[in-house]
Amino acid sequence: MATGRRTKRSLKDRPKHRQARALKTRRRKAKQAASRKRGLNKSRARRRTRQGRSGKRVIR
């Protein structure tokens, strides 16, 4: 009765799970890119100096 038993690894390697992992990675990368674009990896003071030079206002 236990023939053809699937391991957790083989279950998680199905297309459904692979797609979910890929989407998670894409979402995380998009979030990182957006935060970098807004300059959220810098301190508030450094963001302000950049804002003064370019003339573009960053609200946050």
N, C-alpha and C. Protein backbone atom coordinates (compact mmCIF):
# COMPACT_ATOMS: atom_id res chain seq x y z
N MET A 1 0.81 -1.21 0.00
CA MET A 1 0.00 0.00 0.00
C MET A 1 0.85 1.27 0.00
N ALA A 2 2.07 1.12 0.50
CA ALA A 2 2.93 2.30 0.59
C ALA A 2 3.80 2.50 -0.64
N THR A 3 3.50 1.78 -1.71
CA THR A 3 4.31 1.92 -2.92
C THR A 3 4.02 3.26 -3.59
N GLY A 4 5.07 3.83 -4.16
CA GLY A 4 4.90 5.11 -4.84
C GLY A 4 4.70 6.28 -3.89
N ARG A 5 5.21 6.15 -2.68
CA ARG A 5 5.06 7.22 -1.70
C ARG A 5 5.88 8.43 -2.13
N ARG A 6 5.35 9.59 -1.96
CA ARG A 6 6.06 10.80 -2.40
C ARG A 6 6.69 11.49 -1.19
N THR A 7 7.90 11.91 -1.39
CA THR A 7 8.58 12.62 -0.32
C THR A 7 8.16 14.08 -0.34
N LYS A 8 8.47 14.78 0.72
CA LYS A 8 8.12 16.20 0.79
C LYS A 8 8.85 16.97 -0.30
N ARG A 9 10.08 16.57 -0.56
CA ARG A 9 10.87 17.25 -1.60
C ARG A 9 10.21 17.12 -2.97
N SER A 10 9.77 15.89 -3.30
CA SER A 10 9.15 15.70 -4.62
C SER A 10 7.80 16.40 -4.70
N LEU A 11 7.12 16.52 -3.57
CA LEU A 11 5.84 17.25 -3.57
C LEU A 11 6.08 18.73 -3.82
N LYS A 12 7.10 19.27 -3.17
CA LYS A 12 7.36 20.70 -3.27
C LYS A 12 7.99 21.09 -4.60
N ASP A 13 8.40 20.09 -5.38
CA ASP A 13 9.04 20.40 -6.66
C ASP A 13 8.05 20.35 -7.83
N ARG A 14 6.78 20.28 -7.51
CA ARG A 14 5.77 20.28 -8.56
C ARG A 14 5.63 21.69 -9.15
N PRO A 15 5.14 21.80 -10.38
CA PRO A 15 5.06 23.10 -11.05
C PRO A 15 4.32 24.16 -10.24
N LYS A 16 3.27 23.74 -9.53
CA LYS A 16 2.50 24.69 -8.73
C LYS A 16 3.39 25.40 -7.70
N HIS A 17 4.20 24.61 -7.01
CA HIS A 17 5.06 25.17 -5.97
C HIS A 17 6.22 25.96 -6.58
N ARG A 18 6.72 25.48 -7.71
CA ARG A 18 7.81 26.20 -8.37
C ARG A 18 7.34 27.59 -8.80
N GLN A 19 6.12 27.65 -9.32
CA GLN A 19 5.57 28.93 -9.77
C GLN A 19 5.41 29.87 -8.57
N ALA A 20 4.91 29.34 -7.46
CA ALA A 20 4.72 30.15 -6.26
C ALA A 20 6.05 30.72 -5.79
N ARG A 21 7.10 29.90 -5.80
CA ARG A 21 8.42 30.38 -5.36
C ARG A 21 8.93 31.47 -6.28
N ALA A 22 8.74 31.28 -7.59
CA ALA A 22 9.22 32.27 -8.56
C ALA A 22 8.49 33.60 -8.36
N LEU A 23 7.18 33.53 -8.10
CA LEU A 23 6.41 34.75 -7.90
C LEU A 23 6.86 35.48 -6.64
N LYS A 24 7.14 34.68 -5.59
CA LYS A 24 7.58 35.28 -4.34
C LYS A 24 8.90 36.04 -4.55
N THR A 25 9.80 35.43 -5.30
CA THR A 25 11.09 36.07 -5.58
C THR A 25 10.89 37.34 -6.39
N ARG A 26 10.02 37.27 -7.41
CA ARG A 26 9.78 38.46 -8.23
C ARG A 26 9.19 39.59 -7.42
N ARG A 27 8.25 39.23 -6.52
CA ARG A 27 7.61 40.25 -5.69
C ARG A 27 8.64 40.91 -4.77
N ARG A 28 9.52 40.09 -4.19
CA ARG A 28 10.53 40.63 -3.28
C ARG A 28 11.49 41.55 -4.03
N LYS A 29 11.90 41.15 -5.23
CA LYS A 29 12.81 41.98 -6.02
C LYS A 29 12.16 43.29 -6.41
N ALA A 30 10.87 43.25 -6.74
CA ALA A 30 10.15 44.46 -7.11
C ALA A 30 10.07 45.41 -5.93
N LYS A 31 9.84 44.85 -4.74
CA LYS A 31 9.77 45.68 -3.53
C LYS A 31 11.11 46.35 -3.27
N GLN A 32 12.19 45.59 -3.42
CA GLN A 32 13.52 46.14 -3.21
C GLN A 32 13.80 47.26 -4.19
N ALA A 33 13.47 47.03 -5.46
CA ALA A 33 13.72 48.04 -6.49
C ALA A 33 12.94 49.31 -6.19
N ALA A 34 11.69 49.15 -5.75
CA ALA A 34 10.86 50.32 -5.45
C ALA A 34 11.43 51.10 -4.28
N SER A 35 11.91 50.40 -3.26
CA SER A 35 12.46 51.10 -2.10
C SER A 35 13.76 51.81 -2.46
N ARG A 36 14.53 51.20 -3.36
CA ARG A 36 15.77 51.85 -3.79
C ARG A 36 15.46 53.08 -4.60
N LYS A 37 14.42 52.98 -5.42
CA LYS A 37 14.04 54.11 -6.27
C LYS A 37 13.62 55.30 -5.39
N ARG A 38 12.95 54.99 -4.28
CA ARG A 38 12.51 56.05 -3.38
C ARG A 38 13.62 56.47 -2.42
N GLY A 39 14.72 55.76 -2.43
CA GLY A 39 15.84 56.12 -1.56
C GLY A 39 15.62 55.73 -0.11
N LEU A 40 14.87 54.67 0.13
CA LEU A 40 14.56 54.30 1.51
C LEU A 40 15.71 53.56 2.18
N ASN A 41 16.77 53.25 1.43
CA ASN A 41 17.91 52.61 2.07
C ASN A 41 18.90 53.64 2.60
N LYS A 42 18.56 54.92 2.46
CA LYS A 42 19.41 55.99 3.00
C LYS A 42 18.74 56.59 4.23
N SER A 43 19.51 57.33 4.99
CA SER A 43 18.93 58.01 6.14
C SER A 43 18.11 59.20 5.65
N ARG A 44 17.24 59.68 6.50
CA ARG A 44 16.35 60.79 6.12
C ARG A 44 17.15 62.03 5.72
N ALA A 45 18.22 62.32 6.46
CA ALA A 45 19.04 63.50 6.17
C ALA A 45 19.67 63.40 4.79
N ARG A 46 20.18 62.22 4.46
CA ARG A 46 20.81 62.05 3.14
C ARG A 46 19.79 62.13 2.02
N ARG A 47 18.57 61.67 2.31
CA ARG A 47 17.51 61.78 1.30
C ARG A 47 17.20 63.25 1.03
N ARG A 48 17.18 64.06 2.09
CA ARG A 48 16.85 65.48 1.94
C ARG A 48 17.88 66.20 1.07
N THR A 49 19.18 65.88 1.24
CA THR A 49 20.20 66.57 0.45
C THR A 49 20.04 66.23 -1.02
N ARG A 50 19.71 64.99 -1.31
CA ARG A 50 19.51 64.56 -2.70
C ARG A 50 18.30 65.28 -3.30
N GLN A 51 17.28 65.44 -2.50
CA GLN A 51 16.05 66.08 -2.93
C GLN A 51 16.32 67.52 -3.34
N GLY A 52 17.21 68.19 -2.61
CA GLY A 52 17.51 69.58 -2.91
C GLY A 52 18.18 69.76 -4.25
N ARG A 53 19.04 68.82 -4.62
CA ARG A 53 19.78 68.94 -5.88
C ARG A 53 18.92 68.66 -7.11
N SER A 54 18.10 67.62 -7.03
CA SER A 54 17.37 67.21 -8.23
C SER A 54 16.08 68.00 -8.42
N GLY A 55 15.56 68.56 -7.35
CA GLY A 55 14.31 69.30 -7.45
C GLY A 55 13.09 68.40 -7.35
N LYS A 56 13.31 67.10 -7.32
CA LYS A 56 12.20 66.17 -7.21
C LYS A 56 11.88 65.97 -5.74
N ARG A 57 10.61 66.00 -5.39
CA ARG A 57 10.24 65.85 -3.99
C ARG A 57 9.85 64.40 -3.69
N VAL A 58 10.38 63.89 -2.61
CA VAL A 58 10.04 62.55 -2.17
C VAL A 58 9.20 62.70 -0.92
N ILE A 59 7.97 62.21 -0.97
CA ILE A 59 7.09 62.34 0.18
C ILE A 59 7.25 61.11 1.05
N ARG A 60 7.66 61.29 2.28
CA ARG A 60 7.81 60.27 3.31
C ARG A 60 8.60 60.82 4.43
